[in-house]
Amino acid sequence: MDNEVREEVTEQEVKKTDGRDTGKIFVSKIGMVGCVMFLIMLVGFLLVCFSAGSQNPIEGYEPPRESAYYKEYPGELVEEINENIAPQLESITECYYEDGKVVIITEEAEYFTVRSALLDYFDEELFDFRKDTDE
């Protein structure tokens, strides 16, 4: 019976607060140890989120020239991709120059990975990304 009274009081407290004191209720329920654990997990989460994008997508690769150069000489960008990038990103099935853009054909499963990796080094306007439909 004592538990029923406590449940009624808790339900009345929740109704009475109307969501304004939700933080106080949460803190009182989890206690000091729970608050510390919550803060540690929050800091860990933020560290993972903000440091995840800082990794080099193609291990050890540095482009020899800037995107501005490759805008004038797209054929050299095709050579650079075929010689130095495609062996590391094995899902690139073809790379060639067509209609003012470097066409990158990649496996559908790795399309976004390849696209993201190349756009970390070069401007998007240089490329025409396509998915390989022969799989």
C-alpha atoms as a PDB file:
ATOM      1  CA  MET A   1       0.000   0.000   0.000  1.00  0.00           C
ATOM      2  CA  ASP A   2       2.899   2.290   0.771  1.00  0.00           C
ATOM      3  CA  ASN A   3       4.201   1.818  -2.794  1.00  0.00           C
ATOM      4  CA  GLU A   4       0.797   2.800  -4.221  1.00  0.00           C
ATOM      5  CA  VAL A   5       0.855   6.044  -2.253  1.00  0.00           C
ATOM      6  CA  ARG A   6       4.392   6.797  -3.496  1.00  0.00           C
ATOM      7  CA  GLU A   7       3.385   6.112  -7.112  1.00  0.00           C
ATOM      8  CA  GLU A   8       0.403   8.456  -6.762  1.00  0.00           C
ATOM      9  CA  VAL A   9       2.604  11.175  -5.270  1.00  0.00           C
ATOM     10  CA  THR A  10       5.166  10.731  -8.068  1.00  0.00           C
ATOM     11  CA  GLU A  11       2.459  10.927 -10.735  1.00  0.00           C
ATOM     12  CA  GLN A  12       1.025  14.021  -9.055  1.00  0.00           C
ATOM     13  CA  GLU A  13       4.504  15.627  -8.939  1.00  0.00           C
ATOM     14  CA  VAL A  14       5.003  14.991 -12.640  1.00  0.00           C
ATOM     15  CA  LYS A  15       1.602  16.418 -13.507  1.00  0.00           C
ATOM     16  CA  LYS A  16       2.183  19.390 -11.200  1.00  0.00           C
ATOM     17  CA  THR A  17       5.588  20.291 -12.675  1.00  0.00           C
ATOM     18  CA  ASP A  18       4.210  20.263 -16.217  1.00  0.00           C
ATOM     19  CA  GLY A  19       7.712  19.650 -17.658  1.00  0.00           C
ATOM     20  CA  ARG A  20       9.308  22.758 -16.156  1.00  0.00           C
ATOM     21  CA  ASP A  21      11.312  20.913 -13.520  1.00  0.00           C
ATOM     22  CA  THR A  22      12.229  17.871 -15.580  1.00  0.00           C
ATOM     23  CA  GLY A  23      15.944  18.446 -15.061  1.00  0.00           C
ATOM     24  CA  LYS A  24      15.554  18.592 -11.282  1.00  0.00           C
ATOM     25  CA  ILE A  25      13.540  15.386 -11.274  1.00  0.00           C
ATOM     26  CA  PHE A  26      16.126  13.658 -13.499  1.00  0.00           C
ATOM     27  CA  VAL A  27      19.014  14.709 -11.235  1.00  0.00           C
ATOM     28  CA  SER A  28      17.192  13.666  -8.081  1.00  0.00           C
ATOM     29  CA  LYS A  29      16.491  10.230  -9.579  1.00  0.00           C
ATOM     30  CA  ILE A  30      20.030   9.430 -10.780  1.00  0.00           C
ATOM     31  CA  GLY A  31      21.865  10.985  -7.828  1.00  0.00           C
ATOM     32  CA  MET A  32      25.393  12.407  -7.662  1.00  0.00           C
ATOM     33  CA  VAL A  33      27.155   9.345  -9.102  1.00  0.00           C
ATOM     34  CA  GLY A  34      24.714   9.253 -12.002  1.00  0.00           C
ATOM     35  CA  CYS A  35      25.297  12.959 -12.705  1.00  0.00           C
ATOM     36  CA  VAL A  36      29.066  12.461 -12.796  1.00  0.00           C
ATOM     37  CA  MET A  37      28.708   9.451 -15.118  1.00  0.00           C
ATOM     38  CA  PHE A  38      26.343  11.432 -17.350  1.00  0.00           C
ATOM     39  CA  LEU A  39      28.812  14.328 -17.625  1.00  0.00           C
ATOM     40  CA  ILE A  40      31.729  11.970 -18.379  1.00  0.00           C
ATOM     41  CA  MET A  41      29.715  10.292 -21.134  1.00  0.00           C
ATOM     42  CA  LEU A  42      28.698  13.676 -22.553  1.00  0.00           C
ATOM     43  CA  VAL A  43      32.305  14.882 -22.709  1.00  0.00           C
ATOM     44  CA  GLY A  44      33.388  11.584 -24.318  1.00  0.00           C
ATOM     45  CA  PHE A  45      30.614  11.842 -26.887  1.00  0.00           C
ATOM     46  CA  LEU A  46      31.584  15.397 -27.804  1.00  0.00           C
ATOM     47  CA  LEU A  47      35.251  14.444 -28.156  1.00  0.00           C
ATOM     48  CA  VAL A  48      34.387  11.591 -30.508  1.00  0.00           C
ATOM     49  CA  CYS A  49      32.040  13.767 -32.578  1.00  0.00           C
ATOM     50  CA  PHE A  50      34.454  16.643 -33.044  1.00  0.00           C
ATOM     51  CA  SER A  51      37.581  14.591 -33.646  1.00  0.00           C
ATOM     52  CA  ALA A  52      36.151  11.977 -36.025  1.00  0.00           C
ATOM     53  CA  GLY A  53      36.470  14.087 -39.187  1.00  0.00           C
ATOM     54  CA  SER A  54      40.103  15.022 -38.720  1.00  0.00           C
ATOM     55  CA  GLN A  55      41.518  11.776 -40.104  1.00  0.00           C
ATOM     56  CA  ASN A  56      43.179  11.593 -43.522  1.00  0.00           C
ATOM     57  CA  PRO A  57      40.785   9.661 -45.842  1.00  0.00           C
ATOM     58  CA  ILE A  58      43.616   8.286 -48.020  1.00  0.00           C
ATOM     59  CA  GLU A  59      46.505   7.177 -45.842  1.00  0.00           C
ATOM     60  CA  GLY A  60      49.680   9.151 -46.584  1.00  0.00           C
ATOM     61  CA  TYR A  61      48.350  10.927 -49.679  1.00  0.00           C
ATOM     62  CA  GLU A  62      49.063  14.590 -50.337  1.00  0.00           C
ATOM     63  CA  PRO A  63      47.915  16.088 -53.647  1.00  0.00           C
ATOM     64  CA  PRO A  64      50.864  17.386 -55.694  1.00  0.00           C
ATOM     65  CA  ARG A  65      48.930  20.415 -56.968  1.00  0.00           C
ATOM     66  CA  GLU A  66      45.959  22.571 -56.015  1.00  0.00           C
ATOM     67  CA  SER A  67      42.485  22.276 -57.543  1.00  0.00           C
ATOM     68  CA  ALA A  68      43.018  25.537 -59.458  1.00  0.00           C
ATOM     69  CA  TYR A  69      45.808  23.873 -61.454  1.00  0.00           C
ATOM     70  CA  TYR A  70      43.672  20.835 -62.228  1.00  0.00           C
ATOM     71  CA  LYS A  71      40.872  23.096 -63.506  1.00  0.00           C
ATOM     72  CA  GLU A  72      43.222  24.088 -66.330  1.00  0.00           C
ATOM     73  CA  TYR A  73      44.757  20.621 -66.796  1.00  0.00           C
ATOM     74  CA  PRO A  74      42.082  18.016 -65.976  1.00  0.00           C
ATOM     75  CA  GLY A  75      43.980  15.308 -67.872  1.00  0.00           C
ATOM     76  CA  GLU A  76      46.700  15.456 -65.235  1.00  0.00           C
ATOM     77  CA  LEU A  77      44.084  14.983 -62.526  1.00  0.00           C
ATOM     78  CA  VAL A  78      42.904  11.833 -64.311  1.00  0.00           C
ATOM     79  CA  GLU A  79      46.497  10.552 -64.331  1.00  0.00           C
ATOM     80  CA  GLU A  80      46.934  11.449 -60.649  1.00  0.00           C
ATOM     81  CA  ILE A  81      43.772   9.593 -59.674  1.00  0.00           C
ATOM     82  CA  ASN A  82      44.563   6.535 -61.785  1.00  0.00           C
ATOM     83  CA  GLU A  83      48.178   6.283 -60.582  1.00  0.00           C
ATOM     84  CA  ASN A  84      48.003   7.328 -56.927  1.00  0.00           C
ATOM     85  CA  ILE A  85      44.433   7.315 -55.651  1.00  0.00           C
ATOM     86  CA  ALA A  86      42.621   4.452 -57.434  1.00  0.00           C
ATOM     87  CA  PRO A  87      45.048   1.803 -56.094  1.00  0.00           C
ATOM     88  CA  GLN A  88      44.206   2.902 -52.547  1.00  0.00           C
ATOM     89  CA  LEU A  89      40.478   3.363 -53.172  1.00  0.00           C
ATOM     90  CA  GLU A  90      39.932   0.055 -54.919  1.00  0.00           C
ATOM     91  CA  SER A  91      36.230   0.697 -55.488  1.00  0.00           C
ATOM     92  CA  ILE A  92      37.008   3.206 -58.282  1.00  0.00           C
ATOM     93  CA  THR A  93      36.260   1.173 -61.399  1.00  0.00           C
ATOM     94  CA  GLU A  94      36.974   3.885 -63.997  1.00  0.00           C
ATOM     95  CA  CYS A  95      38.361   7.391 -64.200  1.00  0.00           C
ATOM     96  CA  TYR A  96      38.437   9.434 -67.414  1.00  0.00           C
ATOM     97  CA  TYR A  97      37.894  12.955 -68.784  1.00  0.00           C
ATOM     98  CA  GLU A  98      34.613  13.833 -70.499  1.00  0.00           C
ATOM     99  CA  ASP A  99      32.749  17.099 -71.223  1.00  0.00           C
ATOM    100  CA  GLY A 100      35.000  19.273 -69.080  1.00  0.00           C
ATOM    101  CA  LYS A 101      34.864  17.051 -65.995  1.00  0.00           C
ATOM    102  CA  VAL A 102      36.736  14.103 -64.573  1.00  0.00           C
ATOM    103  CA  VAL A 103      34.301  11.198 -64.517  1.00  0.00           C
ATOM    104  CA  ILE A 104      34.673   8.870 -61.542  1.00  0.00           C
ATOM    105  CA  ILE A 105      32.770   5.601 -61.763  1.00  0.00           C
ATOM    106  CA  THR A 106      32.664   3.688 -58.507  1.00  0.00           C
ATOM    107  CA  GLU A 107      30.971   0.697 -56.964  1.00  0.00           C
ATOM    108  CA  GLU A 108      27.556   1.622 -55.625  1.00  0.00           C
ATOM    109  CA  ALA A 109      28.306   0.419 -52.094  1.00  0.00           C
ATOM    110  CA  GLU A 110      31.375   2.676 -51.831  1.00  0.00           C
ATOM    111  CA  TYR A 111      30.041   5.663 -53.805  1.00  0.00           C
ATOM    112  CA  PHE A 112      29.800   8.082 -50.870  1.00  0.00           C
ATOM    113  CA  THR A 113      33.115   6.980 -49.380  1.00  0.00           C
ATOM    114  CA  VAL A 114      34.999   7.623 -52.634  1.00  0.00           C
ATOM    115  CA  ARG A 115      33.173  10.890 -53.245  1.00  0.00           C
ATOM    116  CA  SER A 116      33.927  12.149 -49.749  1.00  0.00           C
ATOM    117  CA  ALA A 117      37.589  11.125 -49.942  1.00  0.00           C
ATOM    118  CA  LEU A 118      38.185  12.890 -53.261  1.00  0.00           C
ATOM    119  CA  LEU A 119      36.324  16.021 -52.181  1.00  0.00           C
ATOM    120  CA  ASP A 120      38.601  16.291 -49.155  1.00  0.00           C
ATOM    121  CA  TYR A 121      41.454  16.998 -51.590  1.00  0.00           C
ATOM    122  CA  PHE A 122      39.871  18.552 -54.688  1.00  0.00           C
ATOM    123  CA  ASP A 123      36.979  20.892 -55.604  1.00  0.00           C
ATOM    124  CA  GLU A 124      33.618  19.312 -56.430  1.00  0.00           C
ATOM    125  CA  GLU A 125      33.288  21.206 -59.702  1.00  0.00           C
ATOM    126  CA  LEU A 126      36.119  19.119 -61.177  1.00  0.00           C
ATOM    127  CA  PHE A 127      34.170  15.851 -60.946  1.00  0.00           C
ATOM    128  CA  ASP A 128      31.199  13.937 -62.250  1.00  0.00           C
ATOM    129  CA  PHE A 129      30.623  11.031 -59.856  1.00  0.00           C
ATOM    130  CA  ARG A 130      28.705   8.028 -61.171  1.00  0.00           C
ATOM    131  CA  LYS A 131      27.709   4.664 -59.733  1.00  0.00           C
ATOM    132  CA  ASP A 132      28.775   1.507 -61.529  1.00  0.00           C
ATOM    133  CA  THR A 133      25.607  -0.169 -62.842  1.00  0.00           C
ATOM    134  CA  ASP A 134      27.325  -3.345 -64.128  1.00  0.00           C
ATOM    135  CA  GLU A 135      27.453  -5.041 -60.705  1.00  0.00           C
END
